[in-house]
Amino acid sequence: MLFEAQNERRYDEYERQSHYAIMNVKAQNAKKSIKASDLFKRPADEKAEAELQVGIEKAKHASEWLSQFEQFSGKEEANGRP
């Protein structure tokens, strides 16, 4: 828990420094346009990534289940309406 908090503080500092760098670059050369994410992008949270994968699997399962019904099979009817 303490290690995670320390990493978050470090990432916050990196983001802060990237914003300062952007302000300096913009002040020096207004012709170039860069974003904070060009300098630093916070690593993705492993828990959030795992939850995303679970959600994707649930969505696939639901889609497969719905495809068994004629309305959701993706086939068009004879009169041209979906």
N, C-alpha and C. Protein backbone atom coordinates (compact mmCIF):
# COMPACT_ATOMS: atom_id res chain seq x y z
N MET A 1 0.83 -1.18 0.00
CA MET A 1 0.00 0.00 0.00
C MET A 1 0.88 1.25 0.00
N LEU A 2 1.89 1.26 0.83
CA LEU A 2 2.78 2.40 0.92
C LEU A 2 3.58 2.56 -0.37
N PHE A 3 3.97 1.44 -0.95
CA PHE A 3 4.72 1.46 -2.20
C PHE A 3 3.87 2.05 -3.33
N GLU A 4 2.58 1.67 -3.38
CA GLU A 4 1.68 2.20 -4.40
C GLU A 4 1.51 3.71 -4.25
N ALA A 5 1.39 4.18 -3.03
CA ALA A 5 1.24 5.61 -2.79
C ALA A 5 2.50 6.36 -3.22
N GLN A 6 3.65 5.78 -2.96
CA GLN A 6 4.91 6.40 -3.36
C GLN A 6 4.99 6.48 -4.89
N ASN A 7 4.58 5.42 -5.57
CA ASN A 7 4.58 5.43 -7.04
C ASN A 7 3.62 6.48 -7.57
N GLU A 8 2.46 6.60 -6.97
CA GLU A 8 1.49 7.61 -7.40
C GLU A 8 2.07 9.02 -7.24
N ARG A 9 2.74 9.27 -6.13
CA ARG A 9 3.37 10.58 -5.93
C ARG A 9 4.43 10.84 -7.00
N ARG A 10 5.19 9.80 -7.33
CA ARG A 10 6.23 9.93 -8.35
C ARG A 10 5.59 10.24 -9.70
N TYR A 11 4.51 9.52 -10.04
CA TYR A 11 3.83 9.77 -11.30
C TYR A 11 3.23 11.17 -11.34
N ASP A 12 2.69 11.62 -10.23
CA ASP A 12 2.16 12.98 -10.16
C ASP A 12 3.26 14.00 -10.42
N GLU A 13 4.43 13.76 -9.87
CA GLU A 13 5.56 14.67 -10.08
C GLU A 13 6.00 14.65 -11.54
N TYR A 14 6.01 13.48 -12.17
CA TYR A 14 6.36 13.39 -13.58
C TYR A 14 5.37 14.18 -14.43
N GLU A 15 4.09 14.03 -14.14
CA GLU A 15 3.08 14.78 -14.88
C GLU A 15 3.27 16.28 -14.70
N ARG A 16 3.53 16.68 -13.47
CA ARG A 16 3.75 18.10 -13.17
C ARG A 16 4.95 18.63 -13.96
N GLN A 17 6.03 17.86 -13.98
CA GLN A 17 7.22 18.28 -14.71
C GLN A 17 6.95 18.34 -16.22
N SER A 18 6.14 17.42 -16.72
CA SER A 18 5.83 17.45 -18.15
C SER A 18 5.02 18.70 -18.50
N HIS A 19 4.14 19.13 -17.59
CA HIS A 19 3.38 20.35 -17.84
C HIS A 19 4.30 21.57 -17.84
N TYR A 20 5.26 21.60 -16.93
CA TYR A 20 6.22 22.70 -16.91
C TYR A 20 7.04 22.73 -18.20
N ALA A 21 7.44 21.55 -18.67
CA ALA A 21 8.22 21.48 -19.89
C ALA A 21 7.41 22.00 -21.08
N ILE A 22 6.13 21.66 -21.12
CA ILE A 22 5.28 22.15 -22.20
C ILE A 22 5.17 23.66 -22.15
N MET A 23 4.98 24.20 -20.96
CA MET A 23 4.89 25.66 -20.85
C MET A 23 6.17 26.32 -21.34
N ASN A 24 7.32 25.75 -21.01
CA ASN A 24 8.60 26.30 -21.47
C ASN A 24 8.72 26.22 -22.98
N VAL A 25 8.38 25.09 -23.56
CA VAL A 25 8.48 24.93 -25.01
C VAL A 25 7.52 25.88 -25.71
N LYS A 26 6.30 25.98 -25.23
CA LYS A 26 5.33 26.89 -25.84
C LYS A 26 5.82 28.32 -25.78
N ALA A 27 6.44 28.68 -24.67
CA ALA A 27 6.95 30.05 -24.54
C ALA A 27 8.12 30.29 -25.50
N GLN A 28 8.93 29.28 -25.73
CA GLN A 28 10.09 29.44 -26.60
C GLN A 28 9.72 29.39 -28.08
N ASN A 29 8.79 28.52 -28.42
CA ASN A 29 8.46 28.34 -29.83
C ASN A 29 6.97 28.04 -29.97
N ALA A 30 6.22 29.02 -30.33
CA ALA A 30 4.77 28.87 -30.42
C ALA A 30 4.34 28.10 -31.67
N LYS A 31 5.25 27.83 -32.61
CA LYS A 31 4.90 27.14 -33.84
C LYS A 31 4.71 25.64 -33.63
N LYS A 32 5.41 25.05 -32.68
CA LYS A 32 5.31 23.62 -32.44
C LYS A 32 4.23 23.35 -31.39
N SER A 33 3.46 22.30 -31.58
CA SER A 33 2.40 21.95 -30.64
C SER A 33 2.65 20.54 -30.10
N ILE A 34 2.81 20.43 -28.80
CA ILE A 34 3.00 19.13 -28.16
C ILE A 34 2.01 19.00 -27.00
N LYS A 35 1.77 17.76 -26.59
CA LYS A 35 0.85 17.48 -25.49
C LYS A 35 1.65 16.91 -24.32
N ALA A 36 1.04 16.96 -23.15
CA ALA A 36 1.69 16.41 -21.95
C ALA A 36 1.94 14.92 -22.13
N SER A 37 1.03 14.23 -22.79
CA SER A 37 1.20 12.79 -22.97
C SER A 37 2.36 12.46 -23.91
N ASP A 38 2.81 13.43 -24.70
CA ASP A 38 3.99 13.21 -25.52
C ASP A 38 5.24 13.07 -24.66
N LEU A 39 5.24 13.75 -23.51
CA LEU A 39 6.40 13.72 -22.62
C LEU A 39 6.31 12.63 -21.56
N PHE A 40 5.10 12.44 -21.02
CA PHE A 40 4.92 11.43 -19.98
C PHE A 40 3.51 10.90 -20.03
N LYS A 41 3.38 9.58 -20.01
CA LYS A 41 2.08 8.94 -19.94
C LYS A 41 2.08 7.98 -18.76
N ARG A 42 1.15 8.21 -17.84
CA ARG A 42 1.06 7.38 -16.63
C ARG A 42 0.79 5.93 -17.01
N PRO A 43 1.53 4.99 -16.42
CA PRO A 43 1.31 3.57 -16.72
C PRO A 43 -0.11 3.15 -16.33
N ALA A 44 -0.68 2.24 -17.10
CA ALA A 44 -2.03 1.75 -16.83
C ALA A 44 -2.04 0.93 -15.55
N ASP A 45 -3.11 1.07 -14.81
CA ASP A 45 -3.28 0.32 -13.57
C ASP A 45 -3.59 -1.14 -13.91
N GLU A 46 -2.91 -2.07 -13.28
CA GLU A 46 -3.09 -3.49 -13.58
C GLU A 46 -4.49 -3.96 -13.21
N LYS A 47 -5.04 -3.45 -12.12
CA LYS A 47 -6.39 -3.83 -11.71
C LYS A 47 -7.41 -3.36 -12.74
N ALA A 48 -7.25 -2.15 -13.20
CA ALA A 48 -8.18 -1.61 -14.20
C ALA A 48 -8.09 -2.40 -15.49
N GLU A 49 -6.89 -2.81 -15.86
CA GLU A 49 -6.70 -3.60 -17.08
C GLU A 49 -7.39 -4.96 -16.94
N ALA A 50 -7.27 -5.58 -15.77
CA ALA A 50 -7.92 -6.87 -15.54
C ALA A 50 -9.44 -6.73 -15.59
N GLU A 51 -9.97 -5.66 -14.99
CA GLU A 51 -11.41 -5.41 -15.01
C GLU A 51 -11.89 -5.18 -16.44
N LEU A 52 -11.09 -4.51 -17.23
CA LEU A 52 -11.44 -4.26 -18.62
C LEU A 52 -11.54 -5.58 -19.38
N GLN A 53 -10.60 -6.48 -19.16
CA GLN A 53 -10.62 -7.78 -19.83
C GLN A 53 -11.84 -8.59 -19.43
N VAL A 54 -12.21 -8.53 -18.15
CA VAL A 54 -13.41 -9.24 -17.68
C VAL A 54 -14.64 -8.66 -18.37
N GLY A 55 -14.71 -7.35 -18.48
CA GLY A 55 -15.84 -6.71 -19.15
C GLY A 55 -15.92 -7.08 -20.62
N ILE A 56 -14.78 -7.18 -21.28
CA ILE A 56 -14.75 -7.57 -22.68
C ILE A 56 -15.28 -9.00 -22.84
N GLU A 57 -14.86 -9.90 -21.95
CA GLU A 57 -15.32 -11.28 -22.02
C GLU A 57 -16.83 -11.37 -21.79
N LYS A 58 -17.35 -10.59 -20.84
CA LYS A 58 -18.80 -10.59 -20.58
C LYS A 58 -19.56 -10.07 -21.80
N ALA A 59 -19.03 -9.04 -22.44
CA ALA A 59 -19.69 -8.48 -23.61
C ALA A 59 -19.70 -9.49 -24.76
N LYS A 60 -18.59 -10.22 -24.94
CA LYS A 60 -18.55 -11.24 -25.98
C LYS A 60 -19.57 -12.34 -25.72
N HIS A 61 -19.64 -12.76 -24.45
CA HIS A 61 -20.59 -13.81 -24.07
C HIS A 61 -22.02 -13.34 -24.32
N ALA A 62 -22.33 -12.12 -23.94
CA ALA A 62 -23.68 -11.58 -24.14
C ALA A 62 -24.00 -11.48 -25.63
N SER A 63 -23.03 -11.07 -26.42
CA SER A 63 -23.24 -10.96 -27.86
C SER A 63 -23.50 -12.33 -28.48
N GLU A 64 -22.76 -13.32 -28.06
CA GLU A 64 -22.96 -14.68 -28.56
C GLU A 64 -24.34 -15.19 -28.17
N TRP A 65 -24.77 -14.91 -26.95
CA TRP A 65 -26.07 -15.36 -26.48
C TRP A 65 -27.18 -14.67 -27.27
N LEU A 66 -27.03 -13.36 -27.50
CA LEU A 66 -28.05 -12.62 -28.24
C LEU A 66 -28.12 -13.04 -29.71
N SER A 67 -27.01 -13.49 -30.27
CA SER A 67 -26.99 -13.86 -31.68
C SER A 67 -27.84 -15.09 -31.97
N GLN A 68 -28.24 -15.83 -30.95
CA GLN A 68 -29.09 -16.99 -31.18
C GLN A 68 -30.51 -16.58 -31.54
N PHE A 69 -30.87 -15.34 -31.25
CA PHE A 69 -32.19 -14.85 -31.59
C PHE A 69 -32.16 -14.19 -32.96
N GLU A 70 -33.24 -14.31 -33.71
CA GLU A 70 -33.29 -13.81 -35.07
C GLU A 70 -33.10 -12.30 -35.14
N GLN A 71 -33.62 -11.57 -34.18
CA GLN A 71 -33.52 -10.11 -34.18
C GLN A 71 -32.08 -9.63 -34.07
N PHE A 72 -31.26 -10.38 -33.37
CA PHE A 72 -29.89 -9.96 -33.09
C PHE A 72 -28.85 -10.73 -33.89
N SER A 73 -29.27 -11.49 -34.86
CA SER A 73 -28.33 -12.33 -35.59
C SER A 73 -27.52 -11.57 -36.62
N GLY A 74 -27.95 -10.33 -36.95
CA GLY A 74 -27.22 -9.53 -37.92
C GLY A 74 -27.66 -9.79 -39.35
N LYS A 75 -28.65 -10.63 -39.55
CA LYS A 75 -29.15 -10.93 -40.89
C LYS A 75 -30.32 -10.00 -41.20
N GLU A 76 -30.42 -9.60 -42.47
CA GLU A 76 -31.52 -8.73 -42.89
C GLU A 76 -32.74 -9.59 -43.25
N GLU A 77 -33.92 -9.00 -43.04
CA GLU A 77 -35.13 -9.71 -43.40
C GLU A 77 -35.39 -9.54 -44.89
N ALA A 78 -36.36 -10.28 -45.41
CA ALA A 78 -36.66 -10.28 -46.84
C ALA A 78 -37.16 -8.93 -47.33
N ASN A 79 -37.84 -8.15 -46.48
CA ASN A 79 -38.39 -6.88 -46.94
C ASN A 79 -37.35 -5.75 -46.89
N GLY A 80 -36.11 -6.04 -46.60
CA GLY A 80 -35.04 -5.04 -46.65
C GLY A 80 -34.80 -4.30 -45.36
N ARG A 81 -35.64 -4.50 -44.38
CA ARG A 81 -35.42 -3.83 -43.09
C ARG A 81 -34.56 -4.72 -42.20
N PRO A 82 -33.71 -4.11 -41.43
CA PRO A 82 -32.88 -4.92 -40.51
C PRO A 82 -33.70 -5.47 -39.38
